[in-house]
Amino acid sequence: MVFSSTDLFEVNLAKNYLESEGIETILQNELAAQIYAGVIDQPKLLVREKDTGQAIKILIKGAYIKN
């Protein structure tokens, strides 16, 4: 997991940002977050293990996470 948030919209923005930079992503818990917002586990953005370091750098550059 490289990113999670209680805000599904923010997770989708981060997903699109990573994919625009060539990083494949998977969004976990998306449906549960839509139906049970704040009650169940947060939506999480997953990447391949080999892409984790690069994904974190990209998310820092895009101000999705702080360094």
PDB file of N, CA and C in Angstrom:
ATOM      1  N   MET A   1       0.846  -1.174   0.000  1.00  0.00           N
ATOM      2  CA  MET A   1       0.000   0.000   0.000  1.00  0.00           C
ATOM      3  C   MET A   1       0.891   1.237   0.000  1.00  0.00           C
ATOM      4  N   VAL A   2       0.583   2.172  -0.872  1.00  0.00           N
ATOM      5  CA  VAL A   2       1.349   3.419  -0.904  1.00  0.00           C
ATOM      6  C   VAL A   2       0.524   4.619  -0.471  1.00  0.00           C
ATOM      7  N   PHE A   3      -0.805   4.472  -0.445  1.00  0.00           N
ATOM      8  CA  PHE A   3      -1.635   5.620  -0.097  1.00  0.00           C
ATOM      9  C   PHE A   3      -3.005   5.141   0.361  1.00  0.00           C
ATOM     10  N   SER A   4      -3.535   5.793   1.392  1.00  0.00           N
ATOM     11  CA  SER A   4      -4.912   5.544   1.805  1.00  0.00           C
ATOM     12  C   SER A   4      -5.467   6.834   2.388  1.00  0.00           C
ATOM     13  N   SER A   5      -6.770   6.939   2.389  1.00  0.00           N
ATOM     14  CA  SER A   5      -7.429   8.131   2.898  1.00  0.00           C
ATOM     15  C   SER A   5      -8.885   7.800   3.166  1.00  0.00           C
ATOM     16  N   THR A   6      -9.505   8.551   4.045  1.00  0.00           N
ATOM     17  CA  THR A   6     -10.938   8.382   4.253  1.00  0.00           C
ATOM     18  C   THR A   6     -11.719   8.999   3.105  1.00  0.00           C
ATOM     19  N   ASP A   7     -11.048   9.805   2.296  1.00  0.00           N
ATOM     20  CA  ASP A   7     -11.675  10.491   1.164  1.00  0.00           C
ATOM     21  C   ASP A   7     -11.436   9.690  -0.122  1.00  0.00           C
ATOM     22  N   LEU A   8     -12.461   8.983  -0.580  1.00  0.00           N
ATOM     23  CA  LEU A   8     -12.341   8.152  -1.783  1.00  0.00           C
ATOM     24  C   LEU A   8     -11.953   8.979  -3.003  1.00  0.00           C
ATOM     25  N   PHE A   9     -12.449  10.204  -3.099  1.00  0.00           N
ATOM     26  CA  PHE A   9     -12.110  11.082  -4.224  1.00  0.00           C
ATOM     27  C   PHE A   9     -10.604  11.344  -4.254  1.00  0.00           C
ATOM     28  N   GLU A  10     -10.014  11.610  -3.090  1.00  0.00           N
ATOM     29  CA  GLU A  10      -8.578  11.859  -3.006  1.00  0.00           C
ATOM     30  C   GLU A  10      -7.772  10.623  -3.420  1.00  0.00           C
ATOM     31  N   VAL A  11      -8.228   9.449  -3.021  1.00  0.00           N
ATOM     32  CA  VAL A  11      -7.549   8.210  -3.407  1.00  0.00           C
ATOM     33  C   VAL A  11      -7.616   8.027  -4.921  1.00  0.00           C
ATOM     34  N   ASN A  12      -8.755   8.331  -5.511  1.00  0.00           N
ATOM     35  CA  ASN A  12      -8.888   8.225  -6.971  1.00  0.00           C
ATOM     36  C   ASN A  12      -7.999   9.236  -7.696  1.00  0.00           C
ATOM     37  N   LEU A  13      -7.852  10.431  -7.131  1.00  0.00           N
ATOM     38  CA  LEU A  13      -6.938  11.412  -7.725  1.00  0.00           C
ATOM     39  C   LEU A  13      -5.502  10.900  -7.700  1.00  0.00           C
ATOM     40  N   ALA A  14      -5.096  10.332  -6.571  1.00  0.00           N
ATOM     41  CA  ALA A  14      -3.745   9.780  -6.455  1.00  0.00           C
ATOM     42  C   ALA A  14      -3.559   8.615  -7.428  1.00  0.00           C
ATOM     43  N   LYS A  15      -4.581   7.794  -7.570  1.00  0.00           N
ATOM     44  CA  LYS A  15      -4.546   6.665  -8.510  1.00  0.00           C
ATOM     45  C   LYS A  15      -4.317   7.158  -9.937  1.00  0.00           C
ATOM     46  N   ASN A  16      -5.105   8.146 -10.333  1.00  0.00           N
ATOM     47  CA  ASN A  16      -4.969   8.698 -11.685  1.00  0.00           C
ATOM     48  C   ASN A  16      -3.602   9.342 -11.892  1.00  0.00           C
ATOM     49  N   TYR A  17      -3.109  10.013 -10.866  1.00  0.00           N
ATOM     50  CA  TYR A  17      -1.799  10.657 -10.950  1.00  0.00           C
ATOM     51  C   TYR A  17      -0.703   9.617 -11.155  1.00  0.00           C
ATOM     52  N   LEU A  18      -0.723   8.551 -10.365  1.00  0.00           N
ATOM     53  CA  LEU A  18       0.289   7.498 -10.521  1.00  0.00           C
ATOM     54  C   LEU A  18       0.199   6.844 -11.897  1.00  0.00           C
ATOM     55  N   GLU A  19      -1.015   6.563 -12.344  1.00  0.00           N
ATOM     56  CA  GLU A  19      -1.170   5.922 -13.649  1.00  0.00           C
ATOM     57  C   GLU A  19      -0.710   6.838 -14.780  1.00  0.00           C
ATOM     58  N   SER A  20      -0.876   8.151 -14.616  1.00  0.00           N
ATOM     59  CA  SER A  20      -0.398   9.080 -15.643  1.00  0.00           C
ATOM     60  C   SER A  20       1.131   9.103 -15.691  1.00  0.00           C
ATOM     61  N   GLU A  21       1.767   8.665 -14.605  1.00  0.00           N
ATOM     62  CA  GLU A  21       3.226   8.579 -14.530  1.00  0.00           C
ATOM     63  C   GLU A  21       3.731   7.179 -14.877  1.00  0.00           C
ATOM     64  N   GLY A  22       2.829   6.285 -15.296  1.00  0.00           N
ATOM     65  CA  GLY A  22       3.226   4.959 -15.742  1.00  0.00           C
ATOM     66  C   GLY A  22       3.252   3.887 -14.664  1.00  0.00           C
ATOM     67  N   ILE A  23       2.692   4.164 -13.496  1.00  0.00           N
ATOM     68  CA  ILE A  23       2.652   3.186 -12.405  1.00  0.00           C
ATOM     69  C   ILE A  23       1.278   2.519 -12.390  1.00  0.00           C
ATOM     70  N   GLU A  24       1.255   1.194 -12.517  1.00  0.00           N
ATOM     71  CA  GLU A  24      -0.014   0.466 -12.446  1.00  0.00           C
ATOM     72  C   GLU A  24      -0.490   0.416 -11.004  1.00  0.00           C
ATOM     73  N   THR A  25      -1.801   0.590 -10.807  1.00  0.00           N
ATOM     74  CA  THR A  25      -2.353   0.614  -9.454  1.00  0.00           C
ATOM     75  C   THR A  25      -3.575  -0.287  -9.334  1.00  0.00           C
ATOM     76  N   ILE A  26      -3.886  -0.621  -8.102  1.00  0.00           N
ATOM     77  CA  ILE A  26      -5.121  -1.337  -7.765  1.00  0.00           C
ATOM     78  C   ILE A  26      -5.745  -0.590  -6.601  1.00  0.00           C
ATOM     79  N   LEU A  27      -7.031  -0.348  -6.672  1.00  0.00           N
ATOM     80  CA  LEU A  27      -7.754   0.321  -5.594  1.00  0.00           C
ATOM     81  C   LEU A  27      -8.480  -0.738  -4.781  1.00  0.00           C
ATOM     82  N   GLN A  28      -8.146  -0.818  -3.506  1.00  0.00           N
ATOM     83  CA  GLN A  28      -8.730  -1.818  -2.616  1.00  0.00           C
ATOM     84  C   GLN A  28      -9.747  -1.143  -1.698  1.00  0.00           C
ATOM     85  N   ASN A  29     -10.831  -1.831  -1.399  1.00  0.00           N
ATOM     86  CA  ASN A  29     -11.898  -1.367  -0.504  1.00  0.00           C
ATOM     87  C   ASN A  29     -12.721  -0.216  -1.077  1.00  0.00           C
ATOM     88  N   GLU A  30     -12.732  -0.055  -2.379  1.00  0.00           N
ATOM     89  CA  GLU A  30     -13.456   1.055  -2.995  1.00  0.00           C
ATOM     90  C   GLU A  30     -14.960   0.955  -2.741  1.00  0.00           C
ATOM     91  N   LEU A  31     -15.552  -0.177  -3.019  1.00  0.00           N
ATOM     92  CA  LEU A  31     -16.994  -0.334  -2.855  1.00  0.00           C
ATOM     93  C   LEU A  31     -17.402  -0.212  -1.392  1.00  0.00           C
ATOM     94  N   ALA A  32     -16.645  -0.833  -0.513  1.00  0.00           N
ATOM     95  CA  ALA A  32     -16.954  -0.748   0.920  1.00  0.00           C
ATOM     96  C   ALA A  32     -16.894   0.695   1.396  1.00  0.00           C
ATOM     97  N   ALA A  33     -15.930   1.457   0.898  1.00  0.00           N
ATOM     98  CA  ALA A  33     -15.807   2.857   1.291  1.00  0.00           C
ATOM     99  C   ALA A  33     -16.992   3.681   0.786  1.00  0.00           C
ATOM    100  N   GLN A  34     -17.538   3.324  -0.363  1.00  0.00           N
ATOM    101  CA  GLN A  34     -18.699   4.046  -0.898  1.00  0.00           C
ATOM    102  C   GLN A  34     -19.947   3.755  -0.084  1.00  0.00           C
ATOM    103  N   ILE A  35     -20.101   2.510   0.309  1.00  0.00           N
ATOM    104  CA  ILE A  35     -21.314   2.100   1.011  1.00  0.00           C
ATOM    105  C   ILE A  35     -21.237   2.401   2.502  1.00  0.00           C
ATOM    106  N   TYR A  36     -20.088   2.123   3.102  1.00  0.00           N
ATOM    107  CA  TYR A  36     -19.931   2.242   4.553  1.00  0.00           C
ATOM    108  C   TYR A  36     -18.870   3.275   4.910  1.00  0.00           C
ATOM    109  N   ALA A  37     -18.931   4.435   4.334  1.00  0.00           N
ATOM    110  CA  ALA A  37     -17.916   5.476   4.536  1.00  0.00           C
ATOM    111  C   ALA A  37     -17.643   5.709   6.016  1.00  0.00           C
ATOM    112  N   GLY A  38     -16.385   5.596   6.393  1.00  0.00           N
ATOM    113  CA  GLY A  38     -15.966   5.852   7.753  1.00  0.00           C
ATOM    114  C   GLY A  38     -16.196   4.710   8.727  1.00  0.00           C
ATOM    115  N   VAL A  39     -16.885   3.668   8.306  1.00  0.00           N
ATOM    116  CA  VAL A  39     -17.201   2.563   9.210  1.00  0.00           C
ATOM    117  C   VAL A  39     -16.231   1.400   9.013  1.00  0.00           C
ATOM    118  N   ILE A  40     -15.921   1.114   7.764  1.00  0.00           N
ATOM    119  CA  ILE A  40     -15.053  -0.017   7.422  1.00  0.00           C
ATOM    120  C   ILE A  40     -13.700   0.532   6.980  1.00  0.00           C
ATOM    121  N   ASP A  41     -12.786  -0.349   6.757  1.00  0.00           N
ATOM    122  CA  ASP A  41     -11.440   0.002   6.341  1.00  0.00           C
ATOM    123  C   ASP A  41     -11.436   1.036   5.216  1.00  0.00           C
ATOM    124  N   GLN A  42     -10.445   1.904   5.244  1.00  0.00           N
ATOM    125  CA  GLN A  42     -10.303   2.958   4.247  1.00  0.00           C
ATOM    126  C   GLN A  42      -9.951   2.388   2.873  1.00  0.00           C
ATOM    127  N   PRO A  43     -10.281   3.118   1.821  1.00  0.00           N
ATOM    128  CA  PRO A  43      -9.803   2.707   0.500  1.00  0.00           C
ATOM    129  C   PRO A  43      -8.279   2.839   0.457  1.00  0.00           C
ATOM    130  N   LYS A  44      -7.631   1.876  -0.181  1.00  0.00           N
ATOM    131  CA  LYS A  44      -6.175   1.830  -0.242  1.00  0.00           C
ATOM    132  C   LYS A  44      -5.715   1.711  -1.679  1.00  0.00           C
ATOM    133  N   LEU A  45      -4.630   2.379  -1.961  1.00  0.00           N
ATOM    134  CA  LEU A  45      -4.031   2.338  -3.280  1.00  0.00           C
ATOM    135  C   LEU A  45      -2.819   1.418  -3.226  1.00  0.00           C
ATOM    136  N   LEU A  46      -2.847   0.377  -4.034  1.00  0.00           N
ATOM    137  CA  LEU A  46      -1.776  -0.617  -4.065  1.00  0.00           C
ATOM    138  C   LEU A  46      -0.999  -0.512  -5.371  1.00  0.00           C
ATOM    139  N   VAL A  47       0.304  -0.791  -5.287  1.00  0.00           N
ATOM    140  CA  VAL A  47       1.154  -0.867  -6.476  1.00  0.00           C
ATOM    141  C   VAL A  47       2.007  -2.120  -6.356  1.00  0.00           C
ATOM    142  N   ARG A  48       2.636  -2.483  -7.433  1.00  0.00           N
ATOM    143  CA  ARG A  48       3.555  -3.622  -7.398  1.00  0.00           C
ATOM    144  C   ARG A  48       4.716  -3.298  -6.463  1.00  0.00           C
ATOM    145  N   GLU A  49       5.201  -4.310  -5.805  1.00  0.00           N
ATOM    146  CA  GLU A  49       6.290  -4.115  -4.842  1.00  0.00           C
ATOM    147  C   GLU A  49       7.490  -3.408  -5.474  1.00  0.00           C
ATOM    148  N   LYS A  50       7.807  -3.780  -6.702  1.00  0.00           N
ATOM    149  CA  LYS A  50       8.962  -3.174  -7.382  1.00  0.00           C
ATOM    150  C   LYS A  50       8.745  -1.694  -7.694  1.00  0.00           C
ATOM    151  N   ASP A  51       7.495  -1.231  -7.707  1.00  0.00           N
ATOM    152  CA  ASP A  51       7.171   0.162  -8.021  1.00  0.00           C
ATOM    153  C   ASP A  51       6.949   1.026  -6.781  1.00  0.00           C
ATOM    154  N   THR A  52       7.034   0.429  -5.599  1.00  0.00           N
ATOM    155  CA  THR A  52       6.690   1.154  -4.378  1.00  0.00           C
ATOM    156  C   THR A  52       7.531   2.418  -4.180  1.00  0.00           C
ATOM    157  N   GLY A  53       8.831   2.305  -4.280  1.00  0.00           N
ATOM    158  CA  GLY A  53       9.710   3.468  -4.076  1.00  0.00           C
ATOM    159  C   GLY A  53       9.413   4.591  -5.044  1.00  0.00           C
ATOM    160  N   GLN A  54       9.270   4.256  -6.316  1.00  0.00           N
ATOM    161  CA  GLN A  54       8.972   5.260  -7.330  1.00  0.00           C
ATOM    162  C   GLN A  54       7.595   5.880  -7.102  1.00  0.00           C
ATOM    163  N   ALA A  55       6.621   5.061  -6.724  1.00  0.00           N
ATOM    164  CA  ALA A  55       5.267   5.565  -6.476  1.00  0.00           C
ATOM    165  C   ALA A  55       5.259   6.559  -5.320  1.00  0.00           C
ATOM    166  N   ILE A  56       5.998   6.256  -4.279  1.00  0.00           N
ATOM    167  CA  ILE A  56       6.064   7.170  -3.130  1.00  0.00           C
ATOM    168  C   ILE A  56       6.707   8.489  -3.543  1.00  0.00           C
ATOM    169  N   LYS A  57       7.779   8.433  -4.321  1.00  0.00           N
ATOM    170  CA  LYS A  57       8.422   9.660  -4.810  1.00  0.00           C
ATOM    171  C   LYS A  57       7.444  10.497  -5.630  1.00  0.00           C
ATOM    172  N   ILE A  58       6.674   9.838  -6.483  1.00  0.00           N
ATOM    173  CA  ILE A  58       5.706  10.546  -7.326  1.00  0.00           C
ATOM    174  C   ILE A  58       4.621  11.184  -6.456  1.00  0.00           C
ATOM    175  N   LEU A  59       4.129  10.457  -5.459  1.00  0.00           N
ATOM    176  CA  LEU A  59       3.093  10.999  -4.589  1.00  0.00           C
ATOM    177  C   LEU A  59       3.602  12.153  -3.731  1.00  0.00           C
ATOM    178  N   ILE A  60       4.870  12.117  -3.344  1.00  0.00           N
ATOM    179  CA  ILE A  60       5.464  13.249  -2.628  1.00  0.00           C
ATOM    180  C   ILE A  60       5.538  14.450  -3.549  1.00  0.00           C
ATOM    181  N   LYS A  61       6.010  14.225  -4.771  1.00  0.00           N
ATOM    182  CA  LYS A  61       6.116  15.301  -5.767  1.00  0.00           C
ATOM    183  C   LYS A  61       4.751  15.930  -6.036  1.00  0.00           C
ATOM    184  N   GLY A  62       3.712  15.120  -6.061  1.00  0.00           N
ATOM    185  CA  GLY A  62       2.372  15.618  -6.321  1.00  0.00           C
ATOM    186  C   GLY A  62       1.652  16.125  -5.080  1.00  0.00           C
ATOM    187  N   ALA A  63       2.335  16.114  -3.930  1.00  0.00           N
ATOM    188  CA  ALA A  63       1.805  16.607  -2.655  1.00  0.00           C
ATOM    189  C   ALA A  63       0.654  15.764  -2.113  1.00  0.00           C
ATOM    190  N   TYR A  64       0.617  14.485  -2.478  1.00  0.00           N
ATOM    191  CA  TYR A  64      -0.385  13.579  -1.923  1.00  0.00           C
ATOM    192  C   TYR A  64       0.068  13.072  -0.556  1.00  0.00           C
ATOM    193  N   ILE A  65       1.386  12.913  -0.396  1.00  0.00           N
ATOM    194  CA  ILE A  65       1.931  12.547   0.903  1.00  0.00           C
ATOM    195  C   ILE A  65       3.090  13.485   1.213  1.00  0.00           C
ATOM    196  N   LYS A  66       3.351  13.655   2.508  1.00  0.00           N
ATOM    197  CA  LYS A  66       4.424  14.545   2.931  1.00  0.00           C
ATOM    198  C   LYS A  66       5.685  13.735   3.197  1.00  0.00           C
ATOM    199  N   ASN A  67       6.796  14.337   2.900  1.00  0.00           N
ATOM    200  CA  ASN A  67       8.097  13.706   3.072  1.00  0.00           C
ATOM    201  C   ASN A  67       8.544  13.810   4.502  1.00  0.00           C
TER     202      ASN A  67
END
